All heavy atoms as atom14 arrays in JSON, in Angstrom:
{
  "sequence": "HLAAYLPPYHLAQLALGVLGGGDAQSPLHHLEFLFGFTLLAL",
  "atom14_mask": [
    [1, 1, 1, 1, 1, 1, 1, 1, 1, 1, 0, 0, 0, 0],
    [1, 1, 1, 1, 1, 1, 1, 1, 0, 0, 0, 0, 0, 0],
    [1, 1, 1, 1, 1, 0, 0, 0, 0, 0, 0, 0, 0, 0],
    [1, 1, 1, 1, 1, 0, 0, 0, 0, 0, 0, 0, 0, 0],
    [1, 1, 1, 1, 1, 1, 1, 1, 1, 1, 1, 1, 0, 0],
    [1, 1, 1, 1, 1, 1, 1, 1, 0, 0, 0, 0, 0, 0],
    [1, 1, 1, 1, 1, 1, 1, 0, 0, 0, 0, 0, 0, 0],
    [1, 1, 1, 1, 1, 1, 1, 0, 0, 0, 0, 0, 0, 0],
    [1, 1, 1, 1, 1, 1, 1, 1, 1, 1, 1, 1, 0, 0],
    [1, 1, 1, 1, 1, 1, 1, 1, 1, 1, 0, 0, 0, 0],
    [1, 1, 1, 1, 1, 1, 1, 1, 0, 0, 0, 0, 0, 0],
    [1, 1, 1, 1, 1, 0, 0, 0, 0, 0, 0, 0, 0, 0],
    [1, 1, 1, 1, 1, 1, 1, 1, 1, 0, 0, 0, 0, 0],
    [1, 1, 1, 1, 1, 1, 1, 1, 0, 0, 0, 0, 0, 0],
    [1, 1, 1, 1, 1, 0, 0, 0, 0, 0, 0, 0, 0, 0],
    [1, 1, 1, 1, 1, 1, 1, 1, 0, 0, 0, 0, 0, 0],
    [1, 1, 1, 1, 0, 0, 0, 0, 0, 0, 0, 0, 0, 0],
    [1, 1, 1, 1, 1, 1, 1, 0, 0, 0, 0, 0, 0, 0],
    [1, 1, 1, 1, 1, 1, 1, 1, 0, 0, 0, 0, 0, 0],
    [1, 1, 1, 1, 0, 0, 0, 0, 0, 0, 0, 0, 0, 0],
    [1, 1, 1, 1, 0, 0, 0, 0, 0, 0, 0, 0, 0, 0],
    [1, 1, 1, 1, 0, 0, 0, 0, 0, 0, 0, 0, 0, 0],
    [1, 1, 1, 1, 1, 1, 1, 1, 0, 0, 0, 0, 0, 0],
    [1, 1, 1, 1, 1, 0, 0, 0, 0, 0, 0, 0, 0, 0],
    [1, 1, 1, 1, 1, 1, 1, 1, 1, 0, 0, 0, 0, 0],
    [1, 1, 1, 1, 1, 1, 0, 0, 0, 0, 0, 0, 0, 0],
    [1, 1, 1, 1, 1, 1, 1, 0, 0, 0, 0, 0, 0, 0],
    [1, 1, 1, 1, 1, 1, 1, 1, 0, 0, 0, 0, 0, 0],
    [1, 1, 1, 1, 1, 1, 1, 1, 1, 1, 0, 0, 0, 0],
    [1, 1, 1, 1, 1, 1, 1, 1, 1, 1, 0, 0, 0, 0],
    [1, 1, 1, 1, 1, 1, 1, 1, 0, 0, 0, 0, 0, 0],
    [1, 1, 1, 1, 1, 1, 1, 1, 1, 0, 0, 0, 0, 0],
    [1, 1, 1, 1, 1, 1, 1, 1, 1, 1, 1, 0, 0, 0],
    [1, 1, 1, 1, 1, 1, 1, 1, 0, 0, 0, 0, 0, 0],
    [1, 1, 1, 1, 1, 1, 1, 1, 1, 1, 1, 0, 0, 0],
    [1, 1, 1, 1, 0, 0, 0, 0, 0, 0, 0, 0, 0, 0],
    [1, 1, 1, 1, 1, 1, 1, 1, 1, 1, 1, 0, 0, 0],
    [1, 1, 1, 1, 1, 1, 1, 0, 0, 0, 0, 0, 0, 0],
    [1, 1, 1, 1, 1, 1, 1, 1, 0, 0, 0, 0, 0, 0],
    [1, 1, 1, 1, 1, 1, 1, 1, 0, 0, 0, 0, 0, 0],
    [1, 1, 1, 1, 1, 0, 0, 0, 0, 0, 0, 0, 0, 0],
    [1, 1, 1, 1, 1, 1, 1, 1, 0, 0, 0, 0, 0, 0]
  ],
  "atom14_positions": [
    [[0.83, -1.21, 0.0], [0.0, 0.0, 0.0], [0.86, 1.26, 0.0], [0.54, 2.24, -0.67], [-0.93, -0.01, 1.22], [-1.95, -1.1, 1.19], [-2.91, -1.21, 0.21], [-2.17, -2.15, 2.03], [-3.69, -2.26, 0.42], [-3.25, -2.86, 1.53], [0.0, 0.0, 0.0], [0.0, 0.0, 0.0], [0.0, 0.0, 0.0], [0.0, 0.0, 0.0]],
    [[1.97, 1.21, 0.75], [2.86, 2.37, 0.82], [3.51, 2.66, -0.53], [3.74, 3.82, -0.88], [3.94, 2.13, 1.88], [5.03, 3.2, 2.02], [4.43, 4.52, 2.49], [6.12, 2.74, 2.98], [0.0, 0.0, 0.0], [0.0, 0.0, 0.0], [0.0, 0.0, 0.0], [0.0, 0.0, 0.0], [0.0, 0.0, 0.0], [0.0, 0.0, 0.0]],
    [[3.82, 1.61, -1.29], [4.53, 1.77, -2.56], [3.83, 2.73, -3.51], [4.47, 3.47, -4.25], [4.72, 0.41, -3.22], [0.0, 0.0, 0.0], [0.0, 0.0, 0.0], [0.0, 0.0, 0.0], [0.0, 0.0, 0.0], [0.0, 0.0, 0.0], [0.0, 0.0, 0.0], [0.0, 0.0, 0.0], [0.0, 0.0, 0.0], [0.0, 0.0, 0.0]],
    [[2.5, 2.76, -3.47], [1.74, 3.61, -4.38], [1.97, 5.1, -4.14], [1.58, 5.93, -4.96], [0.25, 3.3, -4.26], [0.0, 0.0, 0.0], [0.0, 0.0, 0.0], [0.0, 0.0, 0.0], [0.0, 0.0, 0.0], [0.0, 0.0, 0.0], [0.0, 0.0, 0.0], [0.0, 0.0, 0.0], [0.0, 0.0, 0.0], [0.0, 0.0, 0.0]],
    [[2.62, 5.44, -3.01], [2.89, 6.84, -2.68], [4.37, 7.19, -2.84], [4.79, 8.27, -2.44], [2.45, 7.14, -1.25], [0.97, 6.91, -1.02], [0.51, 5.7, -0.5], [0.03, 7.89, -1.35], [-0.84, 5.48, -0.3], [-1.32, 7.67, -1.15], [-1.75, 6.46, -0.63], [-3.1, 6.25, -0.44], [0.0, 0.0, 0.0], [0.0, 0.0, 0.0]],
    [[5.13, 6.28, -3.47], [6.57, 6.49, -3.61], [6.93, 6.69, -5.08], [6.5, 5.9, -5.94], [7.33, 5.3, -3.03], [7.02, 4.95, -1.57], [7.79, 3.71, -1.14], [7.35, 6.13, -0.66], [0.0, 0.0, 0.0], [0.0, 0.0, 0.0], [0.0, 0.0, 0.0], [0.0, 0.0, 0.0], [0.0, 0.0, 0.0], [0.0, 0.0, 0.0]],
    [[7.72, 7.7, -5.41], [8.04, 7.99, -6.82], [8.74, 6.84, -7.57], [8.45, 6.63, -8.75], [8.91, 9.25, -6.76], [9.3, 9.39, -5.33], [8.26, 8.74, -4.51], [0.0, 0.0, 0.0], [0.0, 0.0, 0.0], [0.0, 0.0, 0.0], [0.0, 0.0, 0.0], [0.0, 0.0, 0.0], [0.0, 0.0, 0.0], [0.0, 0.0, 0.0]],
    [[9.66, 6.07, -6.95], [10.28, 4.99, -7.72], [9.28, 3.96, -8.2], [9.44, 3.38, -9.28], [11.28, 4.36, -6.73], [11.52, 5.41, -5.71], [10.25, 6.17, -5.59], [0.0, 0.0, 0.0], [0.0, 0.0, 0.0], [0.0, 0.0, 0.0], [0.0, 0.0, 0.0], [0.0, 0.0, 0.0], [0.0, 0.0, 0.0], [0.0, 0.0, 0.0]],
    [[8.25, 3.71, -7.41], [7.21, 2.76, -7.81], [6.56, 3.19, -9.12], [6.35, 2.38, -10.03], [6.15, 2.64, -6.72], [4.94, 1.83, -7.13], [4.95, 0.44, -7.08], [3.79, 2.47, -7.59], [3.83, -0.3, -7.47], [2.67, 1.74, -7.99], [2.7, 0.36, -7.92], [1.6, -0.37, -8.32], [0.0, 0.0, 0.0], [0.0, 0.0, 0.0]],
    [[6.26, 4.47, -9.24], [5.55, 4.96, -10.42], [6.45, 4.93, -11.66], [5.98, 4.58, -12.76], [5.03, 6.37, -10.16], [3.93, 6.41, -9.14], [2.62, 6.21, -9.46], [3.97, 6.57, -7.79], [1.87, 6.26, -8.36], [2.68, 6.49, -7.34], [0.0, 0.0, 0.0], [0.0, 0.0, 0.0], [0.0, 0.0, 0.0], [0.0, 0.0, 0.0]],
    [[7.72, 5.25, -11.5], [8.62, 5.13, -12.66], [8.78, 3.66, -13.06], [8.78, 3.33, -14.25], [9.99, 5.73, -12.34], [11.04, 5.63, -13.45], [10.53, 6.3, -14.73], [12.36, 6.25, -13.02], [0.0, 0.0, 0.0], [0.0, 0.0, 0.0], [0.0, 0.0, 0.0], [0.0, 0.0, 0.0], [0.0, 0.0, 0.0], [0.0, 0.0, 0.0]],
    [[8.89, 2.78, -12.07], [9.02, 1.35, -12.37], [7.78, 0.83, -13.1], [7.89, 0.01, -14.02], [9.25, 0.56, -11.08], [0.0, 0.0, 0.0], [0.0, 0.0, 0.0], [0.0, 0.0, 0.0], [0.0, 0.0, 0.0], [0.0, 0.0, 0.0], [0.0, 0.0, 0.0], [0.0, 0.0, 0.0], [0.0, 0.0, 0.0], [0.0, 0.0, 0.0]],
    [[6.59, 1.31, -12.72], [5.37, 0.84, -13.39], [5.3, 1.34, -14.83], [4.81, 0.63, -15.72], [4.13, 1.3, -12.61], [4.02, 0.7, -11.22], [4.23, -0.8, -11.19], [3.58, -1.55, -11.94], [5.12, -1.27, -10.33], [0.0, 0.0, 0.0], [0.0, 0.0, 0.0], [0.0, 0.0, 0.0], [0.0, 0.0, 0.0], [0.0, 0.0, 0.0]],
    [[5.8, 2.55, -15.08], [5.87, 3.03, -16.46], [6.83, 2.17, -17.28], [6.54, 1.81, -18.43], [6.32, 4.49, -16.49], [5.3, 5.53, -16.02], [5.96, 6.91, -15.94], [4.1, 5.57, -16.97], [0.0, 0.0, 0.0], [0.0, 0.0, 0.0], [0.0, 0.0, 0.0], [0.0, 0.0, 0.0], [0.0, 0.0, 0.0], [0.0, 0.0, 0.0]],
    [[7.97, 1.83, -16.67], [8.95, 0.99, -17.37], [8.39, -0.41, -17.6], [8.55, -0.99, -18.68], [10.25, 0.92, -16.56], [0.0, 0.0, 0.0], [0.0, 0.0, 0.0], [0.0, 0.0, 0.0], [0.0, 0.0, 0.0], [0.0, 0.0, 0.0], [0.0, 0.0, 0.0], [0.0, 0.0, 0.0], [0.0, 0.0, 0.0], [0.0, 0.0, 0.0]],
    [[7.72, -0.96, -16.59], [7.12, -2.29, -16.74], [5.99, -2.26, -17.78], [5.78, -3.25, -18.5], [6.57, -2.77, -15.39], [7.62, -3.22, -14.38], [7.01, -3.35, -12.99], [8.24, -4.55, -14.81], [0.0, 0.0, 0.0], [0.0, 0.0, 0.0], [0.0, 0.0, 0.0], [0.0, 0.0, 0.0], [0.0, 0.0, 0.0], [0.0, 0.0, 0.0]],
    [[5.27, -1.15, -17.84], [4.2, -1.04, -18.83], [4.71, -1.16, -20.25], [4.03, -1.71, -21.12], [0.0, 0.0, 0.0], [0.0, 0.0, 0.0], [0.0, 0.0, 0.0], [0.0, 0.0, 0.0], [0.0, 0.0, 0.0], [0.0, 0.0, 0.0], [0.0, 0.0, 0.0], [0.0, 0.0, 0.0], [0.0, 0.0, 0.0], [0.0, 0.0, 0.0]],
    [[5.91, -0.65, -20.49], [6.53, -0.78, -21.82], [6.73, -2.25, -22.18], [6.59, -2.65, -23.34], [7.87, -0.02, -21.85], [8.64, -0.33, -23.14], [7.65, 1.48, -21.71], [0.0, 0.0, 0.0], [0.0, 0.0, 0.0], [0.0, 0.0, 0.0], [0.0, 0.0, 0.0], [0.0, 0.0, 0.0], [0.0, 0.0, 0.0], [0.0, 0.0, 0.0]],
    [[7.04, -3.05, -21.16], [7.33, -4.47, -21.38], [6.1, -5.35, -21.22], [6.19, -6.59, -21.32], [8.42, -4.94, -20.4], [9.73, -4.13, -20.44], [10.71, -4.67, -19.41], [10.34, -4.15, -21.83], [0.0, 0.0, 0.0], [0.0, 0.0, 0.0], [0.0, 0.0, 0.0], [0.0, 0.0, 0.0], [0.0, 0.0, 0.0], [0.0, 0.0, 0.0]],
    [[4.94, -4.73, -20.95], [3.7, -5.49, -20.84], [3.41, -6.01, -19.45], [2.59, -6.93, -19.3], [0.0, 0.0, 0.0], [0.0, 0.0, 0.0], [0.0, 0.0, 0.0], [0.0, 0.0, 0.0], [0.0, 0.0, 0.0], [0.0, 0.0, 0.0], [0.0, 0.0, 0.0], [0.0, 0.0, 0.0], [0.0, 0.0, 0.0], [0.0, 0.0, 0.0]],
    [[4.01, -5.42, -18.41], [3.81, -5.92, -17.05], [3.5, -4.86, -16.03], [3.78, -5.05, -14.85], [0.0, 0.0, 0.0], [0.0, 0.0, 0.0], [0.0, 0.0, 0.0], [0.0, 0.0, 0.0], [0.0, 0.0, 0.0], [0.0, 0.0, 0.0], [0.0, 0.0, 0.0], [0.0, 0.0, 0.0], [0.0, 0.0, 0.0], [0.0, 0.0, 0.0]],
    [[2.93, -3.75, -16.46], [2.6, -2.68, -15.52], [1.39, -3.03, -14.67], [0.73, -4.05, -14.88], [0.0, 0.0, 0.0], [0.0, 0.0, 0.0], [0.0, 0.0, 0.0], [0.0, 0.0, 0.0], [0.0, 0.0, 0.0], [0.0, 0.0, 0.0], [0.0, 0.0, 0.0], [0.0, 0.0, 0.0], [0.0, 0.0, 0.0], [0.0, 0.0, 0.0]],
    [[1.08, -2.16, -13.69], [-0.08, -2.43, -12.83], [-1.36, -1.98, -13.52], [-1.36, -1.62, -14.7], [0.1, -1.76, -11.46], [0.19, -0.23, -11.57], [-0.04, 0.32, -12.66], [0.49, 0.42, -10.55], [0.0, 0.0, 0.0], [0.0, 0.0, 0.0], [0.0, 0.0, 0.0], [0.0, 0.0, 0.0], [0.0, 0.0, 0.0], [0.0, 0.0, 0.0]],
    [[-2.46, -1.99, -12.75], [-3.77, -1.68, -13.34], [-3.98, -0.19, -13.59], [-4.91, 0.19, -14.3], [-4.88, -2.21, -12.42], [0.0, 0.0, 0.0], [0.0, 0.0, 0.0], [0.0, 0.0, 0.0], [0.0, 0.0, 0.0], [0.0, 0.0, 0.0], [0.0, 0.0, 0.0], [0.0, 0.0, 0.0], [0.0, 0.0, 0.0], [0.0, 0.0, 0.0]],
    [[-3.16, 0.66, -13.01], [-3.3, 2.11, -13.2], [-2.86, 2.52, -14.6], [-2.02, 1.87, -15.22], [-2.46, 2.86, -12.16], [-2.89, 2.63, -10.72], [-4.15, 3.38, -10.35], [-4.64, 4.22, -11.11], [-4.7, 3.07, -9.19], [0.0, 0.0, 0.0], [0.0, 0.0, 0.0], [0.0, 0.0, 0.0], [0.0, 0.0, 0.0], [0.0, 0.0, 0.0]],
    [[-3.44, 3.62, -15.08], [-3.07, 4.11, -16.4], [-1.71, 4.78, -16.36], [-1.3, 5.31, -15.31], [-4.12, 5.1, -16.91], [-4.03, 6.31, -16.17], [0.0, 0.0, 0.0], [0.0, 0.0, 0.0], [0.0, 0.0, 0.0], [0.0, 0.0, 0.0], [0.0, 0.0, 0.0], [0.0, 0.0, 0.0], [0.0, 0.0, 0.0], [0.0, 0.0, 0.0]],
    [[-0.98, 4.8, -17.48], [0.31, 5.51, -17.51], [0.17, 6.98, -17.13], [1.09, 7.55, -16.52], [0.77, 5.35, -18.96], [0.09, 4.1, -19.44], [-1.24, 4.08, -18.74], [0.0, 0.0, 0.0], [0.0, 0.0, 0.0], [0.0, 0.0, 0.0], [0.0, 0.0, 0.0], [0.0, 0.0, 0.0], [0.0, 0.0, 0.0], [0.0, 0.0, 0.0]],
    [[-0.97, 7.59, -17.47], [-1.18, 9.0, -17.13], [-1.16, 9.22, -15.62], [-0.63, 10.23, -15.14], [-2.52, 9.48, -17.72], [-2.84, 10.97, -17.5], [-1.77, 11.86, -18.13], [-4.22, 11.3, -18.07], [0.0, 0.0, 0.0], [0.0, 0.0, 0.0], [0.0, 0.0, 0.0], [0.0, 0.0, 0.0], [0.0, 0.0, 0.0], [0.0, 0.0, 0.0]],
    [[-1.72, 8.28, -14.88], [-1.7, 8.39, -13.41], [-0.27, 8.44, -12.89], [0.07, 9.26, -12.04], [-2.45, 7.2, -12.8], [-2.25, 7.06, -11.32], [-2.88, 7.87, -10.4], [-1.47, 6.2, -10.59], [-2.51, 7.51, -9.17], [-1.66, 6.52, -9.26], [0.0, 0.0, 0.0], [0.0, 0.0, 0.0], [0.0, 0.0, 0.0], [0.0, 0.0, 0.0]],
    [[0.58, 7.56, -13.41], [1.98, 7.53, -12.96], [2.72, 8.79, -13.39], [3.53, 9.33, -12.62], [2.67, 6.29, -13.53], [2.04, 5.0, -13.1], [1.9, 4.65, -11.77], [1.5, 3.99, -13.8], [1.32, 3.47, -11.69], [1.06, 3.05, -12.9], [0.0, 0.0, 0.0], [0.0, 0.0, 0.0], [0.0, 0.0, 0.0], [0.0, 0.0, 0.0]],
    [[2.43, 9.27, -14.6], [3.07, 10.51, -15.07], [2.67, 11.7, -14.22], [3.51, 12.55, -13.88], [2.7, 10.75, -16.53], [3.37, 9.86, -17.57], [2.72, 10.07, -18.94], [4.87, 10.15, -17.66], [0.0, 0.0, 0.0], [0.0, 0.0, 0.0], [0.0, 0.0, 0.0], [0.0, 0.0, 0.0], [0.0, 0.0, 0.0], [0.0, 0.0, 0.0]],
    [[1.39, 11.79, -13.86], [0.91, 12.89, -13.04], [1.58, 12.88, -11.67], [1.97, 13.93, -11.14], [-0.61, 12.81, -12.89], [-1.37, 13.18, -14.16], [-2.86, 12.94, -14.01], [-3.27, 12.23, -13.06], [-3.63, 13.47, -14.84], [0.0, 0.0, 0.0], [0.0, 0.0, 0.0], [0.0, 0.0, 0.0], [0.0, 0.0, 0.0], [0.0, 0.0, 0.0]],
    [[1.71, 11.68, -11.09], [2.37, 11.59, -9.78], [3.82, 12.05, -9.88], [4.27, 12.85, -9.04], [2.31, 10.14, -9.28], [2.88, 9.98, -7.88], [2.04, 9.98, -6.78], [4.25, 9.86, -7.67], [2.56, 9.85, -5.49], [4.78, 9.73, -6.39], [3.93, 9.73, -5.3], [0.0, 0.0, 0.0], [0.0, 0.0, 0.0], [0.0, 0.0, 0.0]],
    [[4.54, 11.59, -10.88], [5.96, 11.96, -11.02], [6.12, 13.44, -11.32], [7.05, 14.09, -10.82], [6.61, 11.11, -12.1], [6.8, 9.63, -11.76], [7.27, 8.85, -12.99], [7.81, 9.45, -10.62], [0.0, 0.0, 0.0], [0.0, 0.0, 0.0], [0.0, 0.0, 0.0], [0.0, 0.0, 0.0], [0.0, 0.0, 0.0], [0.0, 0.0, 0.0]],
    [[5.21, 13.99, -12.12], [5.27, 15.42, -12.43], [5.03, 16.24, -11.16], [5.76, 17.21, -10.88], [4.23, 15.78, -13.49], [4.25, 17.22, -13.9], [5.28, 17.72, -14.68], [3.24, 18.08, -13.5], [5.31, 19.07, -15.05], [3.26, 19.42, -13.86], [4.29, 19.91, -14.64], [0.0, 0.0, 0.0], [0.0, 0.0, 0.0], [0.0, 0.0, 0.0]],
    [[4.02, 15.86, -10.38], [3.75, 16.56, -9.14], [4.9, 16.45, -8.16], [5.28, 17.43, -7.49], [0.0, 0.0, 0.0], [0.0, 0.0, 0.0], [0.0, 0.0, 0.0], [0.0, 0.0, 0.0], [0.0, 0.0, 0.0], [0.0, 0.0, 0.0], [0.0, 0.0, 0.0], [0.0, 0.0, 0.0], [0.0, 0.0, 0.0], [0.0, 0.0, 0.0]],
    [[5.49, 15.26, -8.07], [6.63, 15.08, -7.17], [7.82, 15.92, -7.61], [8.53, 16.5, -6.78], [7.04, 13.6, -7.13], [8.27, 13.34, -6.3], [8.19, 13.27, -4.92], [9.51, 13.2, -6.9], [9.32, 13.05, -4.15], [10.65, 12.98, -6.14], [10.55, 12.91, -4.76], [0.0, 0.0, 0.0], [0.0, 0.0, 0.0], [0.0, 0.0, 0.0]],
    [[8.05, 16.01, -8.92], [9.16, 16.82, -9.44], [8.98, 18.29, -9.05], [9.93, 18.95, -8.6], [9.25, 16.69, -10.96], [9.42, 15.32, -11.32], [10.42, 17.49, -11.51], [0.0, 0.0, 0.0], [0.0, 0.0, 0.0], [0.0, 0.0, 0.0], [0.0, 0.0, 0.0], [0.0, 0.0, 0.0], [0.0, 0.0, 0.0], [0.0, 0.0, 0.0]],
    [[7.77, 18.8, -9.21], [7.5, 20.19, -8.84], [7.7, 20.41, -7.34], [8.27, 21.43, -6.92], [6.07, 20.58, -9.24], [5.78, 20.66, -10.74], [4.33, 21.06, -10.97], [6.72, 21.64, -11.44], [0.0, 0.0, 0.0], [0.0, 0.0, 0.0], [0.0, 0.0, 0.0], [0.0, 0.0, 0.0], [0.0, 0.0, 0.0], [0.0, 0.0, 0.0]],
    [[7.23, 19.47, -6.54], [7.4, 19.58, -5.09], [8.88, 19.59, -4.71], [9.33, 20.41, -3.9], [6.68, 18.41, -4.4], [6.82, 18.33, -2.87], [6.2, 19.56, -2.22], [6.18, 17.06, -2.34], [0.0, 0.0, 0.0], [0.0, 0.0, 0.0], [0.0, 0.0, 0.0], [0.0, 0.0, 0.0], [0.0, 0.0, 0.0], [0.0, 0.0, 0.0]],
    [[9.66, 18.66, -5.3], [11.08, 18.59, -4.99], [11.81, 19.85, -5.43], [12.7, 20.35, -4.73], [11.7, 17.35, -5.64], [0.0, 0.0, 0.0], [0.0, 0.0, 0.0], [0.0, 0.0, 0.0], [0.0, 0.0, 0.0], [0.0, 0.0, 0.0], [0.0, 0.0, 0.0], [0.0, 0.0, 0.0], [0.0, 0.0, 0.0], [0.0, 0.0, 0.0]],
    [[11.44, 20.38, -6.59], [12.06, 21.62, -7.06], [11.71, 22.79, -6.15], [12.54, 23.68, -5.92], [11.63, 21.91, -8.5], [12.24, 21.03, -9.58], [11.63, 21.36, -10.95], [13.76, 21.18, -9.63], [0.0, 0.0, 0.0], [0.0, 0.0, 0.0], [0.0, 0.0, 0.0], [0.0, 0.0, 0.0], [0.0, 0.0, 0.0], [0.0, 0.0, 0.0]]
  ]
}
């Protein structure tokens, strides 16, 4: 459950999605999370 709130999880799911093994979430969900995290970190 915690993994869904961690940025490495979302990048890994995008990478796995390329290979046909991502989770049930859409790629857009993972992109939005990473974009928001990037803005927060900046």
